[in-house]
Amino acid sequence: MHMLARNFAWKLDQHIEKEDIREMFGQTLKFKKVYLGKIQDNKCVTVEGTFKKYLNNNGMLCDHDTSTLQKKCENLAHFLYEQSNHELIIVDMQGSGYSLFDPEIASKNLRDGDELLFSTGNLSIKWTT
């Protein structure tokens, strides 16, 4: 899910460049590259800066924040929703500054046959009803 969210954040950034609206839009949100692996030297990995959650797993705002970062999270969620023909949305958006971490993807359909789409964090029924 992280890489899918990262891909759509990148696509939004490319769209802003193509439309020549960078000056108006400003900096875009980013998801860092994350790979499955082990930390072998027992060092802690931390998120630097002030950590904030913007959207819950059900797609609802965490508070009535009107900051630029909050609006950009809403914008990115809407961008994926439109780009996926109303099938997907990024939820559980949280991070520090313009770097976001650990998103969830909610889908219009929770299952494809017997297969659960994305993961147990997919609360698709919540945001589509």
Protein backbone atom coordinates (compact mmCIF):
# COMPACT_ATOMS: atom_id res chain seq x y z
CA MET A 1 0.00 0.00 0.00
CA HIS A 2 2.83 2.34 0.81
CA MET A 3 4.30 1.99 -2.69
CA LEU A 4 0.90 2.50 -4.32
CA ALA A 5 0.37 5.67 -2.28
CA ARG A 6 3.92 6.74 -3.15
CA ASN A 7 3.21 6.21 -6.84
CA PHE A 8 0.07 8.37 -6.76
CA ALA A 9 1.83 11.11 -4.78
CA TRP A 10 4.47 11.09 -7.54
CA LYS A 11 1.76 11.18 -10.23
CA LEU A 12 0.17 14.20 -8.56
CA ASP A 13 3.58 15.90 -8.49
CA GLN A 14 4.01 15.16 -12.23
CA HIS A 15 0.50 16.49 -12.94
CA ILE A 16 1.35 19.75 -11.13
CA GLU A 17 4.52 20.09 -13.23
CA LYS A 18 2.69 19.33 -16.48
CA GLU A 19 -0.05 21.85 -15.73
CA ASP A 20 2.61 24.43 -14.77
CA ILE A 21 0.96 25.17 -11.42
CA ARG A 22 3.96 24.48 -9.15
CA GLU A 23 4.17 28.09 -7.97
CA MET A 24 0.49 28.08 -6.99
CA PHE A 25 0.43 24.56 -5.49
CA GLY A 26 3.83 24.58 -3.81
CA GLN A 27 5.54 21.56 -2.32
CA THR A 28 3.88 18.16 -2.70
CA LEU A 29 3.59 15.32 -0.23
CA LYS A 30 6.05 12.44 -0.43
CA PHE A 31 6.13 8.84 0.73
CA LYS A 32 9.68 7.61 1.28
CA LYS A 33 10.84 4.30 -0.20
CA VAL A 34 10.10 1.54 2.28
CA TYR A 35 11.28 -2.03 1.90
CA LEU A 36 10.75 -5.09 4.03
CA GLY A 37 13.89 -5.85 5.94
CA LYS A 38 15.55 -6.25 9.28
CA ILE A 39 17.55 -3.77 11.26
CA GLN A 40 20.52 -5.84 12.31
CA ASP A 41 22.36 -3.40 14.53
CA ASN A 42 19.41 -2.86 16.93
CA LYS A 43 19.24 0.85 16.16
CA CYS A 44 15.87 2.52 16.52
CA VAL A 45 14.41 4.12 13.42
CA THR A 46 12.41 7.26 14.14
CA VAL A 47 10.32 9.81 12.32
CA GLU A 48 11.99 13.17 12.80
CA GLY A 49 9.93 16.29 13.47
CA THR A 50 6.38 16.67 14.70
CA PHE A 51 4.25 13.65 13.84
CA LYS A 52 0.63 14.35 12.90
CA LYS A 53 -2.26 12.26 11.64
CA TYR A 54 -4.45 13.93 9.01
CA LEU A 55 -6.94 11.28 7.82
CA ASN A 56 -8.22 8.26 9.76
CA ASN A 57 -8.60 4.77 8.28
CA ASN A 58 -12.24 5.56 7.50
CA GLY A 59 -11.24 8.64 5.47
CA MET A 60 -12.57 11.10 8.03
CA LEU A 61 -10.46 14.09 9.05
CA CYS A 62 -8.73 13.71 12.41
CA ASP A 63 -9.57 17.29 13.36
CA HIS A 64 -10.74 20.49 11.75
CA ASP A 65 -7.23 21.59 10.87
CA THR A 66 -7.16 24.07 7.99
CA SER A 67 -3.40 23.94 7.48
CA THR A 68 -1.79 23.64 4.07
CA LEU A 69 -0.61 20.10 4.91
CA GLN A 70 -4.15 19.02 5.83
CA LYS A 71 -5.50 20.41 2.57
CA LYS A 72 -2.75 18.69 0.58
CA CYS A 73 -3.58 15.35 2.23
CA GLU A 74 -7.22 15.81 1.26
CA ASN A 75 -6.10 16.78 -2.25
CA LEU A 76 -3.94 13.67 -2.63
CA ALA A 77 -6.78 11.43 -1.41
CA HIS A 78 -9.15 13.03 -3.93
CA PHE A 79 -6.55 12.76 -6.72
CA LEU A 80 -6.25 8.97 -6.22
CA TYR A 81 -10.04 8.69 -6.01
CA GLU A 82 -10.42 10.44 -9.37
CA GLN A 83 -7.45 8.68 -11.03
CA SER A 84 -8.81 5.27 -10.01
CA ASN A 85 -12.29 5.96 -11.43
CA HIS A 86 -13.71 6.18 -7.90
CA GLU A 87 -12.39 2.72 -6.94
CA LEU A 88 -9.62 3.63 -4.45
CA ILE A 89 -8.75 6.30 -1.91
CA ILE A 90 -5.70 6.87 0.30
CA VAL A 91 -6.64 6.95 3.98
CA ASP A 92 -4.76 6.80 7.28
CA MET A 93 -2.53 9.67 6.17
CA GLN A 94 0.06 10.63 8.75
CA GLY A 95 3.58 11.85 8.94
CA SER A 96 5.98 14.66 9.68
CA GLY A 97 5.92 17.71 7.47
CA TYR A 98 5.64 16.76 3.81
CA SER A 99 6.82 13.17 4.46
CA LEU A 100 4.00 10.69 5.00
CA PHE A 101 4.21 7.16 6.36
CA ASP A 102 2.14 3.98 6.74
CA PRO A 103 -0.96 4.83 4.65
CA GLU A 104 -3.89 2.53 4.00
CA ILE A 105 -5.73 2.15 0.72
CA ALA A 106 -9.49 1.76 0.89
CA SER A 107 -11.26 0.23 -2.08
CA LYS A 108 -14.81 0.47 -3.34
CA ASN A 109 -15.08 -3.30 -2.97
CA LEU A 110 -13.70 -4.97 0.13
CA ARG A 111 -13.22 -8.34 -1.58
CA ASP A 112 -12.53 -9.82 -4.97
CA GLY A 113 -14.19 -13.20 -4.62
CA ASP A 114 -12.69 -14.73 -1.48
CA GLU A 115 -9.66 -12.45 -1.54
CA LEU A 116 -9.50 -9.47 0.82
CA LEU A 117 -8.30 -6.44 -1.16
CA PHE A 118 -5.27 -4.62 0.23
CA SER A 119 -5.36 -5.54 3.95
CA THR A 120 -7.40 -5.63 7.12
CA GLY A 121 -6.98 -1.84 7.32
CA ASN A 122 -9.27 -1.53 4.29
CA LEU A 123 -12.44 -0.08 5.78
CA SER A 124 -14.12 0.33 2.41
CA ILE A 125 -17.64 -0.02 3.78
CA LYS A 126 -17.06 3.03 6.00
CA TRP A 127 -16.14 5.49 3.25
CA THR A 128 -18.48 4.29 0.53
CA THR A 129 -21.67 4.39 2.60
